[in-house]
């Protein structure tokens, strides 16, 4: 009987000792408004450039901002007083340490 109690106490002590060495996990909730940074290899970029009447509208525009690089192409052209607004769009890729903000939605 004494041997059974001693082995039970020893097993419980060993289990407690081993559990202190294990990492604990925290399951914190992320609020929907908090931005979370995620790694991304590519993203779509859209910019608008205004041109005056008679100015040469570029057939493509190089993009190199914040580690993101690529070429943007015209997707639409709108006439405005004295010229045009041209929207350029394209997929750019990460050429370094880039991240994009992403909002987490609640489940």
C-alpha atoms as a PDB file:
ATOM      1  CA  UNK A   1       0.000   0.000   0.000  1.00  0.00           C
ATOM      2  CA  UNK A   2       2.791   2.388   0.972  1.00  0.00           C
ATOM      3  CA  UNK A   3       4.600   1.569  -2.253  1.00  0.00           C
ATOM      4  CA  UNK A   4       1.451   2.385  -4.303  1.00  0.00           C
ATOM      5  CA  UNK A   5       1.071   5.821  -2.624  1.00  0.00           C
ATOM      6  CA  UNK A   6       4.761   6.628  -3.137  1.00  0.00           C
ATOM      7  CA  UNK A   7       4.647   5.695  -6.839  1.00  0.00           C
ATOM      8  CA  UNK A   8       1.448   7.739  -7.368  1.00  0.00           C
ATOM      9  CA  UNK A   9       2.986  10.796  -5.680  1.00  0.00           C
ATOM     10  CA  UNK A  10       6.221  10.330  -7.656  1.00  0.00           C
ATOM     11  CA  UNK A  11       4.293  10.095 -10.954  1.00  0.00           C
ATOM     12  CA  UNK A  12       2.280  13.218 -10.133  1.00  0.00           C
ATOM     13  CA  UNK A  13       5.458  15.087  -9.168  1.00  0.00           C
ATOM     14  CA  UNK A  14       7.161  14.040 -12.393  1.00  0.00           C
ATOM     15  CA  UNK A  15       4.140  15.171 -14.455  1.00  0.00           C
ATOM     16  CA  UNK A  16       4.116  18.578 -12.743  1.00  0.00           C
ATOM     17  CA  UNK A  17       7.874  19.003 -13.175  1.00  0.00           C
ATOM     18  CA  UNK A  18       7.692  18.216 -16.889  1.00  0.00           C
ATOM     19  CA  UNK A  19       4.704  20.507 -17.473  1.00  0.00           C
ATOM     20  CA  UNK A  20       6.633  23.561 -16.219  1.00  0.00           C
ATOM     21  CA  UNK A  21       9.117  23.145 -19.078  1.00  0.00           C
ATOM     22  CA  UNK A  22       6.426  23.208 -21.760  1.00  0.00           C
ATOM     23  CA  UNK A  23       5.448  26.503 -23.398  1.00  0.00           C
ATOM     24  CA  UNK A  24       2.014  27.759 -22.576  1.00  0.00           C
ATOM     25  CA  UNK A  25      -0.354  29.056 -25.244  1.00  0.00           C
ATOM     26  CA  UNK A  26      -2.430  32.163 -25.002  1.00  0.00           C
ATOM     27  CA  UNK A  27      -5.537  32.454 -27.148  1.00  0.00           C
ATOM     28  CA  UNK A  28      -6.013  36.204 -27.234  1.00  0.00           C
ATOM     29  CA  UNK A  29      -8.859  37.491 -29.361  1.00  0.00           C
ATOM     30  CA  UNK A  30      -7.994  39.875 -32.196  1.00  0.00           C
ATOM     31  CA  UNK A  31     -10.433  42.711 -32.600  1.00  0.00           C
ATOM     32  CA  UNK A  32     -11.737  43.269 -36.148  1.00  0.00           C
ATOM     33  CA  UNK A  33     -10.313  46.808 -36.237  1.00  0.00           C
ATOM     34  CA  UNK A  34      -6.723  45.763 -35.484  1.00  0.00           C
ATOM     35  CA  UNK A  35      -4.507  45.585 -38.589  1.00  0.00           C
ATOM     36  CA  UNK A  36      -2.454  42.429 -38.901  1.00  0.00           C
ATOM     37  CA  UNK A  37       0.670  42.379 -41.034  1.00  0.00           C
ATOM     38  CA  UNK A  38       0.998  39.408 -43.367  1.00  0.00           C
ATOM     39  CA  UNK A  39       3.731  38.599 -45.801  1.00  0.00           C
ATOM     40  CA  UNK A  40       2.797  38.956 -49.452  1.00  0.00           C
ATOM     41  CA  UNK A  41       4.623  38.161 -52.668  1.00  0.00           C
ATOM     42  CA  UNK A  42       2.469  40.352 -54.935  1.00  0.00           C
ATOM     43  CA  UNK A  43      -0.338  42.886 -54.853  1.00  0.00           C
ATOM     44  CA  UNK A  44      -2.348  45.046 -57.259  1.00  0.00           C
ATOM     45  CA  UNK A  45      -1.541  48.768 -57.317  1.00  0.00           C
ATOM     46  CA  UNK A  46      -3.646  51.495 -58.914  1.00  0.00           C
ATOM     47  CA  UNK A  47      -2.549  55.122 -59.374  1.00  0.00           C
ATOM     48  CA  UNK A  48      -3.986  58.140 -61.204  1.00  0.00           C
ATOM     49  CA  UNK A  49      -1.876  60.546 -63.270  1.00  0.00           C
ATOM     50  CA  UNK A  50      -3.202  63.781 -64.752  1.00  0.00           C
ATOM     51  CA  UNK A  51      -2.046  64.957 -68.186  1.00  0.00           C
ATOM     52  CA  UNK A  52      -2.601  68.311 -69.851  1.00  0.00           C
ATOM     53  CA  UNK A  53      -4.048  68.484 -73.352  1.00  0.00           C
ATOM     54  CA  UNK A  54      -1.258  67.853 -75.868  1.00  0.00           C
ATOM     55  CA  UNK A  55       0.935  66.031 -73.334  1.00  0.00           C
ATOM     56  CA  UNK A  56       2.097  62.525 -74.296  1.00  0.00           C
ATOM     57  CA  UNK A  57       0.217  59.839 -72.309  1.00  0.00           C
ATOM     58  CA  UNK A  58       2.626  57.092 -71.246  1.00  0.00           C
ATOM     59  CA  UNK A  59       1.840  53.528 -72.313  1.00  0.00           C
ATOM     60  CA  UNK A  60       3.279  52.208 -69.026  1.00  0.00           C
ATOM     61  CA  UNK A  61       4.595  53.576 -65.734  1.00  0.00           C
ATOM     62  CA  UNK A  62       7.337  51.977 -63.612  1.00  0.00           C
ATOM     63  CA  UNK A  63       6.406  51.471 -59.934  1.00  0.00           C
ATOM     64  CA  UNK A  64       9.028  51.218 -57.182  1.00  0.00           C
ATOM     65  CA  UNK A  65       7.721  52.099 -53.718  1.00  0.00           C
ATOM     66  CA  UNK A  66       8.366  50.534 -50.302  1.00  0.00           C
ATOM     67  CA  UNK A  67      10.075  47.452 -51.723  1.00  0.00           C
ATOM     68  CA  UNK A  68       7.271  46.849 -54.243  1.00  0.00           C
ATOM     69  CA  UNK A  69       8.306  46.894 -57.923  1.00  0.00           C
ATOM     70  CA  UNK A  70       6.498  46.422 -61.198  1.00  0.00           C
ATOM     71  CA  UNK A  71       5.009  48.083 -64.247  1.00  0.00           C
ATOM     72  CA  UNK A  72       1.574  49.696 -64.334  1.00  0.00           C
ATOM     73  CA  UNK A  73      -0.528  49.992 -67.492  1.00  0.00           C
ATOM     74  CA  UNK A  74      -3.405  52.370 -68.349  1.00  0.00           C
ATOM     75  CA  UNK A  75      -6.814  50.910 -67.553  1.00  0.00           C
ATOM     76  CA  UNK A  76      -8.984  54.003 -68.161  1.00  0.00           C
ATOM     77  CA  UNK A  77      -8.781  57.575 -69.412  1.00  0.00           C
ATOM     78  CA  UNK A  78     -11.203  60.350 -68.452  1.00  0.00           C
ATOM     79  CA  UNK A  79     -11.360  63.763 -70.119  1.00  0.00           C
ATOM     80  CA  UNK A  80     -11.317  66.687 -67.666  1.00  0.00           C
ATOM     81  CA  UNK A  81     -10.981  70.448 -68.169  1.00  0.00           C
ATOM     82  CA  UNK A  82      -7.653  71.030 -69.864  1.00  0.00           C
ATOM     83  CA  UNK A  83      -6.547  67.387 -70.108  1.00  0.00           C
ATOM     84  CA  UNK A  84      -7.017  63.804 -68.996  1.00  0.00           C
ATOM     85  CA  UNK A  85      -6.949  61.666 -65.865  1.00  0.00           C
ATOM     86  CA  UNK A  86      -5.391  58.302 -66.631  1.00  0.00           C
ATOM     87  CA  UNK A  87      -5.719  55.403 -64.217  1.00  0.00           C
ATOM     88  CA  UNK A  88      -2.789  52.970 -64.262  1.00  0.00           C
ATOM     89  CA  UNK A  89      -2.989  49.552 -62.651  1.00  0.00           C
ATOM     90  CA  UNK A  90      -0.860  46.432 -62.389  1.00  0.00           C
ATOM     91  CA  UNK A  91       0.499  43.664 -60.215  1.00  0.00           C
ATOM     92  CA  UNK A  92       3.724  44.482 -58.376  1.00  0.00           C
ATOM     93  CA  UNK A  93       5.977  42.058 -56.530  1.00  0.00           C
ATOM     94  CA  UNK A  94       7.922  42.315 -53.312  1.00  0.00           C
ATOM     95  CA  UNK A  95      11.632  42.800 -53.820  1.00  0.00           C
ATOM     96  CA  UNK A  96      12.608  42.834 -50.140  1.00  0.00           C
ATOM     97  CA  UNK A  97      10.925  42.990 -46.764  1.00  0.00           C
ATOM     98  CA  UNK A  98       7.361  43.936 -47.688  1.00  0.00           C
ATOM     99  CA  UNK A  99       4.052  43.509 -45.893  1.00  0.00           C
ATOM    100  CA  UNK A 100       0.492  44.576 -46.484  1.00  0.00           C
ATOM    101  CA  UNK A 101      -2.018  45.500 -43.806  1.00  0.00           C
ATOM    102  CA  UNK A 102      -4.967  43.161 -43.517  1.00  0.00           C
ATOM    103  CA  UNK A 103      -8.002  43.569 -41.279  1.00  0.00           C
ATOM    104  CA  UNK A 104      -9.035  40.438 -39.428  1.00  0.00           C
ATOM    105  CA  UNK A 105     -12.763  39.747 -39.489  1.00  0.00           C
ATOM    106  CA  UNK A 106     -14.498  38.095 -36.578  1.00  0.00           C
ATOM    107  CA  UNK A 107     -15.542  34.456 -37.026  1.00  0.00           C
END
